[in-house]
Amino acid sequence: MKLDWQENDWFIHQRLVAQMDERLSILKDAPQDITIIGADFDLSHHALHQRYPQAQLTELDERPEYLELSAAERAKKRSMWKKLLGKKTVQVQGSLLQIGTTASADLLWSNLAFVHHYEPTELFDHWSEVLRKDGLLYFTHFGPDTLREIVRLLQGHGIGISDKRFIDMHDLGDMLFHHGFYDPVMDVDRIHLTYQNPQRFWRDMEVLQVWQALQISDDEQESAQTIVNQAIQSGELSGVTLEIVFGHAVKKLLLPENESLISFYPSKPQ
C-alpha cells in the first residue's frame, strides 16, 4: 500500500520530535547505537542524525509502507555528498518485541509508536534487555485525556468506548520502574486541535493511529463516524485534545540472584 501523506500531515510528530530532541541536551556522552522504534516520516531519524551524525541508526517498524515512506523522505533530504558521510541507516521490519539482540543499543527512541499497547510492560521488559548498561529510553505516548471531547460526544449518543485507552504518566512511570528501568522522568503536555471539516480530522486520526484505541465495535463504527462528522460540520465539536506523555529512563542494572551492588564512597575529612 502506497501512502500519500505529506510532511504537514505529520505536524504532531514533528512537534514532539523537537521537544524530545531538546531533552537529549542533558546527555554527556553521545550514544553510538540508536534504535528508532516506529518510522515517522523520517522526522525522528533526521533529528537524531543531525545531533549524532556518527551514530549507527536502526529504524524499526512492522509496517513496510511506513519504512518505505521514511526512506523516501530521507533520500530527498540528503545530497550526494552527505550520502558519503556517516553510517548507513539500517531499516528492519519487525514487531516492537523484535528490536534487536541483548545489550545492543545505547538509546531507544519511540515517538507515539506503541499507541495500541494498553499495558506495555512486556515492551519495557524487552527494551530494557536490548539496552546496554546505562542505556536510555526516550518516548512519547498518549495520556488519558486524549480525545476526551470525542469520548464525551460518543458516550452521549450511547456508543461504547473502551475503558482502557491511554495510560496516565504516573502509571507509565511505575511500569518503567518495575520493568527494567530506574529514575523514570515523566511530564505531560496538551495539544488542542481545531477542526472545520471532518476530512482533516480523519486524516489526522489516520496518521496518529489513535481512533482505533477507542476500540469501538464494528457494529457501531459507522454510527460513531457519522456522529463525529455531523458534530464537526455543525460546530458542536470544534476542538479536540491530545494529552502527550513524555518519558525517559535509564536501564536498570540487573544483578545475578543473591548478589547485590556494593558502592564505595570517599571518607570525609575530620
Protein backbone atom coordinates (compact mmCIF):
# COMPACT_ATOMS: atom_id res chain seq x y z
CA MET A 1 0.00 0.00 0.00
CA LYS A 2 1.42 3.35 -1.06
CA LEU A 3 0.84 6.20 1.38
CA ASP A 4 0.09 9.68 0.05
CA TRP A 5 0.93 11.61 3.22
CA GLN A 6 2.89 14.85 3.13
CA GLU A 7 5.10 16.40 5.80
CA ASN A 8 2.33 18.70 7.05
CA ASP A 9 0.25 15.59 7.86
CA TRP A 10 2.91 14.69 10.44
CA PHE A 11 2.91 18.03 12.28
CA ILE A 12 2.14 16.45 15.67
CA HIS A 13 5.04 14.00 15.38
CA GLN A 14 7.26 16.84 14.20
CA ARG A 15 6.41 18.96 17.24
CA LEU A 16 7.06 16.07 19.62
CA VAL A 17 10.38 15.20 17.97
CA ALA A 18 11.55 18.78 18.55
CA GLN A 19 10.56 18.58 22.23
CA MET A 20 12.21 15.17 22.66
CA ASP A 21 15.36 16.42 20.96
CA GLU A 22 15.63 19.27 23.47
CA ARG A 23 15.66 16.70 26.27
CA LEU A 24 18.71 15.00 24.74
CA SER A 25 20.83 18.04 25.58
CA ILE A 26 21.26 16.67 29.13
CA LEU A 27 23.30 13.70 27.85
CA LYS A 28 27.04 13.98 28.43
CA ASP A 29 28.07 11.05 26.23
CA ALA A 30 26.83 10.69 22.66
CA PRO A 31 25.11 7.34 22.01
CA GLN A 32 26.77 5.26 19.31
CA ASP A 33 23.95 2.79 18.57
CA ILE A 34 20.41 4.17 18.37
CA THR A 35 17.22 2.27 17.58
CA ILE A 36 14.20 4.26 16.41
CA ILE A 37 11.00 2.39 17.21
CA GLY A 38 8.39 3.38 14.65
CA ALA A 39 9.02 5.12 11.32
CA ASP A 40 7.53 8.63 11.45
CA PHE A 41 8.14 10.18 8.03
CA ASP A 42 11.90 10.36 8.76
CA LEU A 43 11.29 13.01 11.45
CA SER A 44 12.89 11.13 14.35
CA HIS A 45 15.69 9.80 12.18
CA HIS A 46 16.53 13.25 10.80
CA ALA A 47 16.69 14.86 14.25
CA LEU A 48 18.85 12.08 15.69
CA HIS A 49 21.17 12.04 12.68
CA GLN A 50 21.61 15.80 12.96
CA ARG A 51 22.51 15.56 16.66
CA TYR A 52 24.58 12.35 16.43
CA PRO A 53 25.95 12.15 12.87
CA GLN A 54 28.40 9.34 13.66
CA ALA A 55 25.90 7.09 15.43
CA GLN A 56 24.63 3.87 13.88
CA LEU A 57 20.88 4.33 13.43
CA THR A 58 18.39 1.49 13.13
CA GLU A 59 14.76 2.22 12.22
CA LEU A 60 12.21 -0.46 13.08
CA ASP A 61 8.57 -0.76 12.12
CA GLU A 62 6.27 -3.70 11.45
CA ARG A 63 4.61 -1.78 8.59
CA PRO A 64 6.72 -1.94 5.41
CA GLU A 65 4.91 1.01 3.83
CA TYR A 66 5.94 3.26 6.75
CA LEU A 67 9.57 2.24 6.37
CA GLU A 68 9.36 2.88 2.63
CA LEU A 69 7.87 6.33 3.17
CA SER A 70 10.53 7.22 5.74
CA ALA A 71 13.32 6.06 3.42
CA ALA A 72 11.89 8.08 0.53
CA GLU A 73 11.80 11.25 2.63
CA ARG A 74 15.33 10.59 3.83
CA ALA A 75 16.55 10.30 0.26
CA LYS A 76 15.04 13.69 -0.60
CA LYS A 77 16.89 15.42 2.24
CA ARG A 78 20.34 14.02 1.62
CA SER A 79 22.71 15.33 -1.01
CA MET A 80 25.16 13.02 -2.78
CA TRP A 81 27.98 14.40 -0.60
CA LYS A 82 26.12 13.68 2.59
CA LYS A 83 25.47 10.14 1.43
CA LEU A 84 29.19 9.56 1.60
CA LEU A 85 29.40 10.65 5.24
CA GLY A 86 28.44 8.78 8.38
CA LYS A 87 26.98 5.31 8.69
CA LYS A 88 24.16 3.96 6.61
CA THR A 89 20.83 3.67 8.39
CA VAL A 90 19.52 0.13 8.82
CA GLN A 91 15.80 -0.47 8.36
CA VAL A 92 14.19 -3.51 9.99
CA GLN A 93 10.65 -4.74 9.50
CA GLY A 94 9.51 -6.36 12.74
CA SER A 95 7.33 -6.04 15.80
CA LEU A 96 8.10 -3.86 18.79
CA LEU A 97 9.17 -7.04 20.58
CA GLN A 98 11.80 -7.83 17.94
CA ILE A 99 14.02 -4.80 18.29
CA GLY A 100 17.44 -6.41 18.45
CA THR A 101 19.88 -8.53 20.36
CA THR A 102 20.60 -8.26 24.08
CA ALA A 103 22.64 -5.21 25.10
CA SER A 104 22.93 -3.90 21.53
CA ALA A 105 21.69 -0.28 21.82
CA ASP A 106 22.68 2.83 23.74
CA LEU A 107 19.42 4.67 23.08
CA LEU A 108 15.90 3.52 22.25
CA TRP A 109 13.62 6.22 20.84
CA SER A 110 9.86 5.83 20.41
CA ASN A 111 7.63 8.67 19.18
CA LEU A 112 3.96 7.63 19.60
CA ALA A 113 4.95 4.15 18.46
CA PHE A 114 3.11 1.97 20.99
CA VAL A 115 -0.32 3.61 20.90
CA HIS A 116 -2.14 0.26 20.80
CA HIS A 117 -0.26 -1.33 23.71
CA TYR A 118 -2.54 -0.57 26.65
CA GLU A 119 -0.27 -2.34 29.17
CA PRO A 120 3.22 -2.00 27.67
CA THR A 121 5.05 -3.84 30.44
CA GLU A 122 6.16 -6.58 28.05
CA LEU A 123 7.63 -3.93 25.78
CA PHE A 124 9.55 -2.31 28.62
CA ASP A 125 10.96 -5.66 29.75
CA HIS A 126 12.24 -6.40 26.24
CA TRP A 127 13.52 -2.89 25.62
CA SER A 128 15.49 -2.97 28.85
CA GLU A 129 17.17 -6.18 27.71
CA VAL A 130 18.08 -4.62 24.37
CA LEU A 131 19.78 -1.63 26.00
CA ARG A 132 23.39 -1.68 27.12
CA LYS A 133 24.45 -0.75 30.64
CA ASP A 134 23.21 2.77 31.44
CA GLY A 135 21.29 2.79 28.15
CA LEU A 136 18.40 5.23 27.79
CA LEU A 137 14.79 5.01 26.67
CA TYR A 138 13.09 8.16 25.33
CA PHE A 139 9.44 8.03 24.32
CA THR A 140 6.14 9.81 23.87
CA HIS A 141 2.71 8.30 24.38
CA PHE A 142 -0.91 9.40 24.58
CA GLY A 143 -2.30 10.23 28.02
CA PRO A 144 -5.88 9.56 29.24
CA ASP A 145 -7.26 12.99 28.30
CA THR A 146 -6.62 12.28 24.62
CA LEU A 147 -9.81 12.69 22.52
CA ARG A 148 -11.81 13.47 25.64
CA GLU A 149 -14.26 15.58 23.59
CA ILE A 150 -14.79 12.67 21.19
CA VAL A 151 -15.32 10.24 24.06
CA ARG A 152 -17.85 12.55 25.72
CA LEU A 153 -19.69 13.07 22.43
CA LEU A 154 -19.93 9.39 21.54
CA GLN A 155 -20.86 8.26 25.04
CA GLY A 156 -23.64 10.84 24.96
CA HIS A 157 -25.02 9.00 21.94
CA GLY A 158 -24.71 5.60 23.60
CA ILE A 159 -21.60 4.46 21.71
CA GLY A 160 -19.45 2.06 23.72
CA ILE A 161 -15.87 3.25 24.35
CA SER A 162 -13.10 1.16 25.87
CA ASP A 163 -12.11 1.98 29.45
CA LYS A 164 -8.52 1.01 28.60
CA ARG A 165 -7.43 3.60 26.11
CA PHE A 166 -4.38 5.51 27.20
CA ILE A 167 -2.13 5.45 30.23
CA ASP A 168 -1.58 8.05 32.94
CA MET A 169 2.01 9.30 33.18
CA HIS A 170 2.32 8.12 36.79
CA ASP A 171 1.23 4.62 35.83
CA LEU A 172 3.72 4.62 32.97
CA GLY A 173 6.45 5.68 35.40
CA ASP A 174 5.54 2.80 37.73
CA MET A 175 5.60 0.36 34.80
CA LEU A 176 9.07 1.54 33.82
CA PHE A 177 10.38 1.22 37.37
CA HIS A 178 9.05 -2.32 37.79
CA HIS A 179 10.02 -3.50 34.31
CA GLY A 180 13.67 -2.84 33.75
CA PHE A 181 14.29 0.86 34.35
CA TYR A 182 15.11 3.26 37.13
CA ASP A 183 14.93 7.03 37.51
CA PRO A 184 11.94 7.47 35.17
CA VAL A 185 11.29 11.14 34.40
CA MET A 186 7.74 11.86 33.25
CA ASP A 187 5.92 15.01 32.21
CA VAL A 188 2.87 15.87 30.17
CA ASP A 189 1.77 18.38 27.53
CA ARG A 190 -1.63 19.04 25.97
CA ILE A 191 -2.26 19.93 22.36
CA HIS A 192 -5.61 21.40 21.32
CA LEU A 193 -6.65 20.92 17.69
CA THR A 194 -9.41 22.85 15.96
CA TYR A 195 -11.35 21.38 13.03
CA GLN A 196 -13.63 22.96 10.48
CA ASN A 197 -14.13 19.89 8.30
CA PRO A 198 -14.26 16.15 9.01
CA GLN A 199 -11.74 15.28 6.28
CA ARG A 200 -8.90 16.96 8.15
CA PHE A 201 -9.91 15.25 11.38
CA TRP A 202 -9.91 11.76 9.85
CA ARG A 203 -6.59 12.34 8.13
CA ASP A 204 -5.05 13.24 11.49
CA MET A 205 -6.63 10.20 13.13
CA GLU A 206 -5.13 8.01 10.40
CA VAL A 207 -1.62 9.41 10.86
CA LEU A 208 -1.79 9.30 14.65
CA GLN A 209 -3.39 5.82 14.70
CA VAL A 210 -5.40 7.00 17.67
CA TRP A 211 -9.04 6.40 16.66
CA GLN A 212 -8.56 2.63 16.86
CA ALA A 213 -7.59 2.98 20.52
CA LEU A 214 -11.21 3.83 21.35
CA GLN A 215 -11.98 0.19 20.47
CA ILE A 216 -15.45 0.91 19.11
CA SER A 217 -17.22 -2.25 17.99
CA ASP A 218 -17.57 -2.96 14.28
CA ASP A 219 -21.36 -2.69 14.62
CA GLU A 220 -21.07 0.90 15.90
CA GLN A 221 -18.17 2.16 13.76
CA GLU A 222 -20.30 3.70 11.02
CA SER A 223 -22.64 5.38 13.52
CA ALA A 224 -19.71 6.76 15.51
CA GLN A 225 -18.07 8.25 12.43
CA THR A 226 -21.36 9.81 11.31
CA ILE A 227 -21.85 11.38 14.74
CA VAL A 228 -18.34 12.89 14.64
CA ASN A 229 -18.81 14.18 11.09
CA GLN A 230 -22.09 15.88 11.95
CA ALA A 231 -20.68 17.38 15.15
CA ILE A 232 -17.72 18.93 13.31
CA GLN A 233 -19.88 20.27 10.49
CA SER A 234 -22.40 21.81 12.90
CA GLY A 235 -19.72 23.33 15.13
CA GLU A 236 -20.74 21.22 18.12
CA LEU A 237 -17.30 19.64 18.02
CA SER A 238 -14.76 22.31 17.15
CA GLY A 239 -11.82 21.29 19.33
CA VAL A 240 -10.06 18.04 20.19
CA THR A 241 -7.46 17.46 22.91
CA LEU A 242 -4.34 15.32 22.70
CA GLU A 243 -2.59 14.63 26.01
CA ILE A 244 1.05 13.77 25.33
CA VAL A 245 3.17 11.97 27.92
CA PHE A 246 6.95 12.40 27.66
CA GLY A 247 9.16 9.88 29.41
CA HIS A 248 12.78 8.92 29.64
CA ALA A 249 14.53 6.43 31.90
CA VAL A 250 17.83 4.62 32.42
CA LYS A 251 18.19 0.87 32.08
CA LYS A 252 18.18 -0.78 35.47
CA LEU A 253 21.26 -2.76 36.44
CA LEU A 254 20.14 -6.36 36.96
CA LEU A 255 22.43 -8.42 39.17
CA PRO A 256 22.55 -12.21 39.41
CA GLU A 257 20.41 -13.81 42.12
CA ASN A 258 21.81 -13.43 45.65
CA GLU A 259 24.20 -10.67 44.56
CA SER A 260 23.97 -7.01 45.47
CA LEU A 261 25.71 -3.85 44.36
CA ILE A 262 28.41 -2.55 46.71
CA SER A 263 29.33 1.13 46.42
CA PHE A 264 32.42 2.77 47.92
CA TYR A 265 32.40 6.44 48.85
CA PRO A 266 35.41 8.60 49.84
CA SER A 267 35.52 9.38 53.54
CA LYS A 268 35.01 12.98 54.64
CA PRO A 269 37.96 14.68 56.34
CA GLN A 270 37.58 15.00 60.06
